[in-house]
């Protein structure tokens, strides 16, 4: 199983970016997909989470500005980020809790992408 992120970059404050995360491999079902971030000198934190039942959760710092969505047919999650602030600067990581085929059995696992840099200039 692999998670491939794209869409990061440099943007001015007030601008927008859209991150994508595509999961590939022998995936049976994805229970949840989320985005985390780690800023300079900070711990990794949850940004947004989308569960298979449609429930979404956001960090207080991004509510009203960021929107997470999923395309279940494509095993892909998106993070639309609007009204970006310099404090949103971080490496953004995609995460997925999913069940995949491992040899002759199915196994649940927690997977991470490699991260994509988002830099917001003031």
N, C-alpha and C. Protein backbone atom coordinates (compact mmCIF):
# COMPACT_ATOMS: atom_id res chain seq x y z
N UNK A 1 0.85 -1.19 0.00
CA UNK A 1 0.00 0.00 0.00
C UNK A 1 0.88 1.23 0.00
N UNK A 2 0.51 2.18 -0.83
CA UNK A 2 1.24 3.46 -0.89
C UNK A 2 0.26 4.61 -0.88
N UNK A 3 0.65 5.69 -0.22
CA UNK A 3 -0.10 6.94 -0.25
C UNK A 3 0.76 7.96 -0.98
N UNK A 4 0.23 8.55 -2.02
CA UNK A 4 0.98 9.53 -2.81
C UNK A 4 0.29 10.88 -2.70
N UNK A 5 1.03 11.85 -2.15
CA UNK A 5 0.50 13.20 -1.96
C UNK A 5 0.97 14.11 -3.09
N UNK A 6 0.18 15.12 -3.35
CA UNK A 6 0.56 16.15 -4.32
C UNK A 6 -0.19 17.43 -3.99
N UNK A 7 0.30 18.54 -4.55
CA UNK A 7 -0.41 19.80 -4.42
C UNK A 7 0.22 20.82 -3.50
N UNK A 8 1.28 20.48 -2.82
CA UNK A 8 1.92 21.45 -1.94
C UNK A 8 2.64 22.53 -2.74
N UNK A 9 3.13 23.53 -2.04
CA UNK A 9 3.87 24.59 -2.72
C UNK A 9 3.94 25.85 -1.90
N UNK A 10 4.31 26.92 -2.57
CA UNK A 10 4.47 28.24 -1.94
C UNK A 10 3.29 29.11 -2.35
N UNK A 11 2.69 29.77 -1.38
CA UNK A 11 1.54 30.63 -1.66
C UNK A 11 1.59 31.83 -0.71
N UNK A 12 1.03 32.93 -1.15
CA UNK A 12 0.96 34.11 -0.29
C UNK A 12 -0.19 33.98 0.69
N UNK A 13 -0.06 34.67 1.80
CA UNK A 13 -1.14 34.68 2.79
C UNK A 13 -2.45 35.12 2.13
N UNK A 14 -3.51 34.40 2.50
CA UNK A 14 -4.81 34.67 1.90
C UNK A 14 -5.11 33.82 0.69
N UNK A 15 -4.10 33.12 0.20
CA UNK A 15 -4.27 32.28 -0.98
C UNK A 15 -4.83 30.91 -0.66
N UNK A 16 -4.88 30.08 -1.69
CA UNK A 16 -5.45 28.74 -1.56
C UNK A 16 -4.54 27.68 -2.17
N UNK A 17 -4.65 26.50 -1.65
CA UNK A 17 -3.99 25.32 -2.21
C UNK A 17 -4.91 24.13 -2.03
N UNK A 18 -4.74 23.15 -2.91
CA UNK A 18 -5.50 21.91 -2.78
C UNK A 18 -4.53 20.75 -2.77
N UNK A 19 -4.55 19.99 -1.70
CA UNK A 19 -3.71 18.81 -1.59
C UNK A 19 -4.51 17.57 -1.99
N UNK A 20 -3.82 16.62 -2.60
CA UNK A 20 -4.44 15.35 -2.96
C UNK A 20 -3.63 14.21 -2.38
N UNK A 21 -4.31 13.13 -2.05
CA UNK A 21 -3.65 11.93 -1.53
C UNK A 21 -4.33 10.71 -2.15
N UNK A 22 -3.57 9.99 -2.95
CA UNK A 22 -4.11 8.81 -3.61
C UNK A 22 -3.52 7.56 -2.98
N UNK A 23 -4.38 6.66 -2.55
CA UNK A 23 -3.95 5.39 -1.98
C UNK A 23 -3.99 4.32 -3.06
N UNK A 24 -2.93 3.52 -3.10
CA UNK A 24 -2.87 2.45 -4.10
C UNK A 24 -2.41 1.16 -3.45
N UNK A 25 -2.73 0.05 -4.10
CA UNK A 25 -2.37 -1.26 -3.57
C UNK A 25 -3.60 -2.15 -3.52
N UNK A 26 -3.48 -3.29 -2.86
CA UNK A 26 -4.58 -4.25 -2.78
C UNK A 26 -5.50 -3.85 -1.62
N UNK A 27 -6.21 -2.76 -1.81
CA UNK A 27 -7.04 -2.18 -0.76
C UNK A 27 -8.45 -2.75 -0.81
N UNK A 28 -8.92 -3.21 0.34
CA UNK A 28 -10.28 -3.71 0.43
C UNK A 28 -11.23 -2.59 0.82
N UNK A 29 -10.88 -1.88 1.87
CA UNK A 29 -11.73 -0.80 2.35
C UNK A 29 -10.88 0.22 3.10
N UNK A 30 -11.23 1.48 2.95
CA UNK A 30 -10.55 2.55 3.68
C UNK A 30 -11.52 3.08 4.74
N UNK A 31 -11.16 2.92 6.00
CA UNK A 31 -12.04 3.35 7.08
C UNK A 31 -11.97 4.85 7.30
N UNK A 32 -10.79 5.40 7.15
CA UNK A 32 -10.62 6.83 7.40
C UNK A 32 -9.40 7.33 6.65
N UNK A 33 -9.48 8.58 6.21
CA UNK A 33 -8.33 9.26 5.62
C UNK A 33 -8.24 10.62 6.26
N UNK A 34 -7.02 11.02 6.51
CA UNK A 34 -6.85 12.31 7.18
C UNK A 34 -5.58 13.00 6.76
N UNK A 35 -5.51 14.25 7.17
CA UNK A 35 -4.31 15.06 6.93
C UNK A 35 -3.75 15.54 8.27
N UNK A 36 -2.45 15.40 8.41
CA UNK A 36 -1.73 15.89 9.57
C UNK A 36 -0.67 16.87 9.06
N UNK A 37 -0.15 17.67 9.96
CA UNK A 37 0.93 18.57 9.58
C UNK A 37 1.93 18.69 10.72
N UNK A 38 3.15 19.02 10.32
CA UNK A 38 4.22 19.24 11.29
C UNK A 38 4.97 20.49 10.89
N UNK A 39 4.80 21.53 11.69
CA UNK A 39 5.50 22.78 11.44
C UNK A 39 6.89 22.76 12.03
N UNK A 40 7.72 23.73 11.68
CA UNK A 40 9.10 23.80 12.20
C UNK A 40 9.12 23.83 13.73
N UNK A 41 9.81 22.88 14.32
CA UNK A 41 9.93 22.84 15.77
C UNK A 41 8.67 22.42 16.50
N UNK A 42 7.70 21.90 15.76
CA UNK A 42 6.43 21.51 16.38
C UNK A 42 6.18 20.02 16.22
N UNK A 43 5.25 19.51 17.02
CA UNK A 43 4.86 18.12 16.89
C UNK A 43 3.83 17.97 15.77
N UNK A 44 3.73 16.77 15.26
CA UNK A 44 2.74 16.50 14.23
C UNK A 44 1.34 16.60 14.84
N UNK A 45 0.44 17.27 14.11
CA UNK A 45 -0.91 17.46 14.62
C UNK A 45 -1.95 17.12 13.57
N UNK A 46 -3.12 16.72 14.03
CA UNK A 46 -4.22 16.43 13.13
C UNK A 46 -4.77 17.73 12.56
N UNK A 47 -4.98 17.75 11.26
CA UNK A 47 -5.59 18.90 10.58
C UNK A 47 -7.05 18.61 10.27
N UNK A 48 -7.28 17.48 9.61
CA UNK A 48 -8.65 17.12 9.22
C UNK A 48 -8.73 15.61 9.02
N UNK A 49 -9.92 15.08 9.30
CA UNK A 49 -10.13 13.63 9.21
C UNK A 49 -11.49 13.37 8.59
N UNK A 50 -11.55 12.41 7.67
CA UNK A 50 -12.81 12.02 7.06
C UNK A 50 -12.99 10.51 7.24
N UNK A 51 -14.06 10.13 7.93
CA UNK A 51 -14.34 8.73 8.20
C UNK A 51 -15.31 8.19 7.15
N UNK A 52 -15.33 6.88 7.00
CA UNK A 52 -16.13 6.26 5.94
C UNK A 52 -17.62 6.51 6.09
N UNK A 53 -18.08 6.83 7.32
CA UNK A 53 -19.51 7.10 7.52
C UNK A 53 -19.88 8.53 7.16
N UNK A 54 -18.91 9.29 6.68
CA UNK A 54 -19.17 10.67 6.28
C UNK A 54 -18.80 11.71 7.32
N UNK A 55 -18.45 11.27 8.49
CA UNK A 55 -18.06 12.19 9.56
C UNK A 55 -16.73 12.86 9.24
N UNK A 56 -16.66 14.16 9.49
CA UNK A 56 -15.42 14.89 9.33
C UNK A 56 -15.07 15.62 10.62
N UNK A 57 -13.79 15.75 10.86
CA UNK A 57 -13.28 16.43 12.04
C UNK A 57 -12.18 17.38 11.61
N UNK A 58 -12.16 18.56 12.25
CA UNK A 58 -11.15 19.55 11.91
C UNK A 58 -10.48 20.09 13.17
N UNK A 59 -9.22 20.45 13.02
CA UNK A 59 -8.55 21.19 14.09
C UNK A 59 -9.22 22.56 14.20
N UNK A 60 -9.30 23.08 15.41
CA UNK A 60 -9.94 24.38 15.61
C UNK A 60 -9.27 25.46 14.76
N UNK A 61 -7.98 25.34 14.57
CA UNK A 61 -7.22 26.38 13.86
C UNK A 61 -7.55 26.46 12.38
N UNK A 62 -8.19 25.43 11.83
CA UNK A 62 -8.48 25.42 10.39
C UNK A 62 -9.96 25.41 10.07
N UNK A 63 -10.81 25.32 11.09
CA UNK A 63 -12.25 25.28 10.86
C UNK A 63 -12.70 26.52 10.10
N UNK A 64 -13.52 26.29 9.09
CA UNK A 64 -14.02 27.38 8.27
C UNK A 64 -13.10 27.77 7.13
N UNK A 65 -11.88 27.27 7.15
CA UNK A 65 -10.91 27.59 6.08
C UNK A 65 -10.54 26.37 5.25
N UNK A 66 -10.43 25.21 5.89
CA UNK A 66 -10.03 23.98 5.21
C UNK A 66 -11.23 23.05 5.07
N UNK A 67 -11.23 22.29 3.99
CA UNK A 67 -12.28 21.30 3.77
C UNK A 67 -11.66 19.99 3.28
N UNK A 68 -11.98 18.91 3.98
CA UNK A 68 -11.51 17.59 3.55
C UNK A 68 -12.64 16.89 2.79
N UNK A 69 -12.26 16.18 1.75
CA UNK A 69 -13.24 15.41 1.00
C UNK A 69 -12.59 14.13 0.51
N UNK A 70 -13.42 13.18 0.14
CA UNK A 70 -12.92 11.89 -0.34
C UNK A 70 -13.66 11.49 -1.61
N UNK A 71 -12.91 10.84 -2.49
CA UNK A 71 -13.47 10.18 -3.67
C UNK A 71 -13.23 8.69 -3.44
N UNK A 72 -14.24 8.00 -2.94
CA UNK A 72 -14.03 6.60 -2.56
C UNK A 72 -13.74 5.72 -3.77
N UNK A 73 -14.28 6.07 -4.92
CA UNK A 73 -14.03 5.27 -6.12
C UNK A 73 -12.56 5.33 -6.53
N UNK A 74 -11.89 6.43 -6.19
CA UNK A 74 -10.50 6.60 -6.57
C UNK A 74 -9.55 6.41 -5.39
N UNK A 75 -10.11 6.06 -4.21
CA UNK A 75 -9.27 5.91 -3.01
C UNK A 75 -8.41 7.15 -2.79
N UNK A 76 -9.04 8.29 -2.94
CA UNK A 76 -8.32 9.56 -2.89
C UNK A 76 -8.99 10.51 -1.90
N UNK A 77 -8.16 11.25 -1.18
CA UNK A 77 -8.64 12.30 -0.29
C UNK A 77 -8.05 13.63 -0.73
N UNK A 78 -8.80 14.68 -0.47
CA UNK A 78 -8.38 16.02 -0.84
C UNK A 78 -8.45 16.93 0.39
N UNK A 79 -7.62 17.94 0.38
CA UNK A 79 -7.69 18.97 1.41
C UNK A 79 -7.67 20.32 0.70
N UNK A 80 -8.81 20.97 0.68
CA UNK A 80 -8.90 22.31 0.11
C UNK A 80 -8.59 23.30 1.21
N UNK A 81 -7.55 24.09 0.99
CA UNK A 81 -7.09 25.04 2.00
C UNK A 81 -7.27 26.46 1.46
N UNK A 82 -8.13 27.21 2.10
CA UNK A 82 -8.39 28.60 1.73
C UNK A 82 -7.95 29.54 2.84
N UNK A 83 -7.82 30.80 2.49
CA UNK A 83 -7.43 31.83 3.46
C UNK A 83 -6.21 31.41 4.25
N UNK A 84 -5.21 30.95 3.55
CA UNK A 84 -4.01 30.43 4.20
C UNK A 84 -3.28 31.51 4.97
N UNK A 85 -2.69 31.09 6.09
CA UNK A 85 -1.95 31.98 6.96
C UNK A 85 -0.51 31.49 7.08
N UNK A 86 0.42 32.38 7.41
CA UNK A 86 1.82 31.94 7.59
C UNK A 86 1.94 30.80 8.61
N UNK A 87 1.09 30.78 9.61
CA UNK A 87 1.17 29.71 10.61
C UNK A 87 0.68 28.37 10.09
N UNK A 88 0.15 28.33 8.88
CA UNK A 88 -0.20 27.05 8.25
C UNK A 88 1.02 26.40 7.58
N UNK A 89 2.13 27.10 7.57
CA UNK A 89 3.34 26.55 6.97
C UNK A 89 3.76 25.29 7.70
N UNK A 90 3.92 24.21 6.96
CA UNK A 90 4.25 22.92 7.56
C UNK A 90 4.43 21.89 6.46
N UNK A 91 4.93 20.73 6.86
CA UNK A 91 4.88 19.57 5.99
C UNK A 91 3.55 18.86 6.29
N UNK A 92 2.76 18.64 5.25
CA UNK A 92 1.46 18.02 5.40
C UNK A 92 1.55 16.54 5.00
N UNK A 93 1.05 15.70 5.89
CA UNK A 93 1.11 14.26 5.69
C UNK A 93 -0.30 13.69 5.55
N UNK A 94 -0.44 12.81 4.60
CA UNK A 94 -1.70 12.07 4.44
C UNK A 94 -1.61 10.79 5.28
N UNK A 95 -2.73 10.41 5.85
CA UNK A 95 -2.81 9.20 6.66
C UNK A 95 -4.07 8.43 6.29
N UNK A 96 -3.95 7.10 6.27
CA UNK A 96 -5.13 6.28 5.97
C UNK A 96 -5.16 5.06 6.87
N UNK A 97 -6.33 4.78 7.40
CA UNK A 97 -6.58 3.54 8.14
C UNK A 97 -7.37 2.65 7.21
N UNK A 98 -6.77 1.55 6.80
CA UNK A 98 -7.40 0.75 5.76
C UNK A 98 -7.10 -0.73 5.93
N UNK A 99 -7.90 -1.52 5.23
CA UNK A 99 -7.70 -2.96 5.20
C UNK A 99 -7.23 -3.34 3.80
N UNK A 100 -6.14 -4.07 3.74
CA UNK A 100 -5.59 -4.48 2.46
C UNK A 100 -5.24 -5.97 2.49
N UNK A 101 -5.05 -6.50 1.30
CA UNK A 101 -4.69 -7.91 1.21
C UNK A 101 -3.19 -8.05 1.40
N UNK A 102 -2.80 -8.89 2.32
CA UNK A 102 -1.40 -9.18 2.60
C UNK A 102 -1.21 -10.68 2.39
N UNK A 103 -0.76 -11.04 1.22
CA UNK A 103 -0.63 -12.47 0.92
C UNK A 103 -1.99 -13.11 0.78
N UNK A 104 -2.29 -14.06 1.66
CA UNK A 104 -3.56 -14.77 1.58
C UNK A 104 -4.58 -14.28 2.60
N UNK A 105 -4.29 -13.19 3.25
CA UNK A 105 -5.22 -12.69 4.25
C UNK A 105 -5.36 -11.18 4.12
N UNK A 106 -6.41 -10.67 4.78
CA UNK A 106 -6.62 -9.23 4.83
C UNK A 106 -6.18 -8.70 6.19
N UNK A 107 -5.57 -7.55 6.17
CA UNK A 107 -5.02 -7.00 7.41
C UNK A 107 -5.26 -5.50 7.46
N UNK A 108 -5.65 -5.02 8.62
CA UNK A 108 -5.83 -3.58 8.81
C UNK A 108 -4.51 -2.94 9.18
N UNK A 109 -4.27 -1.77 8.61
CA UNK A 109 -3.03 -1.06 8.91
C UNK A 109 -3.21 0.44 8.81
N UNK A 110 -2.29 1.15 9.39
CA UNK A 110 -2.27 2.61 9.39
C UNK A 110 -1.08 3.05 8.52
N UNK A 111 -1.37 3.83 7.49
CA UNK A 111 -0.34 4.17 6.51
C UNK A 111 -0.15 5.68 6.41
N UNK A 112 1.07 6.08 6.07
CA UNK A 112 1.42 7.49 5.94
C UNK A 112 2.01 7.77 4.56
N UNK A 113 1.74 8.96 4.07
CA UNK A 113 2.41 9.43 2.87
C UNK A 113 3.76 10.01 3.23
N UNK A 114 4.50 10.44 2.20
CA UNK A 114 5.86 10.93 2.41
C UNK A 114 5.87 12.39 2.85
N UNK A 115 4.74 13.07 2.72
CA UNK A 115 4.66 14.47 3.12
C UNK A 115 4.85 15.42 1.95
N UNK A 116 4.16 16.55 2.03
CA UNK A 116 4.31 17.59 1.01
C UNK A 116 4.41 18.94 1.72
N UNK A 117 5.35 19.75 1.28
CA UNK A 117 5.61 21.03 1.94
C UNK A 117 4.60 22.08 1.50
N UNK A 118 4.05 22.77 2.48
CA UNK A 118 3.20 23.94 2.23
C UNK A 118 3.85 25.12 2.93
N UNK A 119 4.15 26.15 2.16
CA UNK A 119 4.77 27.35 2.70
C UNK A 119 3.90 28.55 2.38
N UNK A 120 3.52 29.29 3.42
CA UNK A 120 2.67 30.46 3.25
C UNK A 120 3.48 31.69 3.63
N UNK A 121 3.68 32.57 2.67
CA UNK A 121 4.47 33.78 2.92
C UNK A 121 3.56 34.93 3.35
N UNK A 122 4.11 35.78 4.18
CA UNK A 122 3.30 36.91 4.69
C UNK A 122 3.42 38.13 3.79
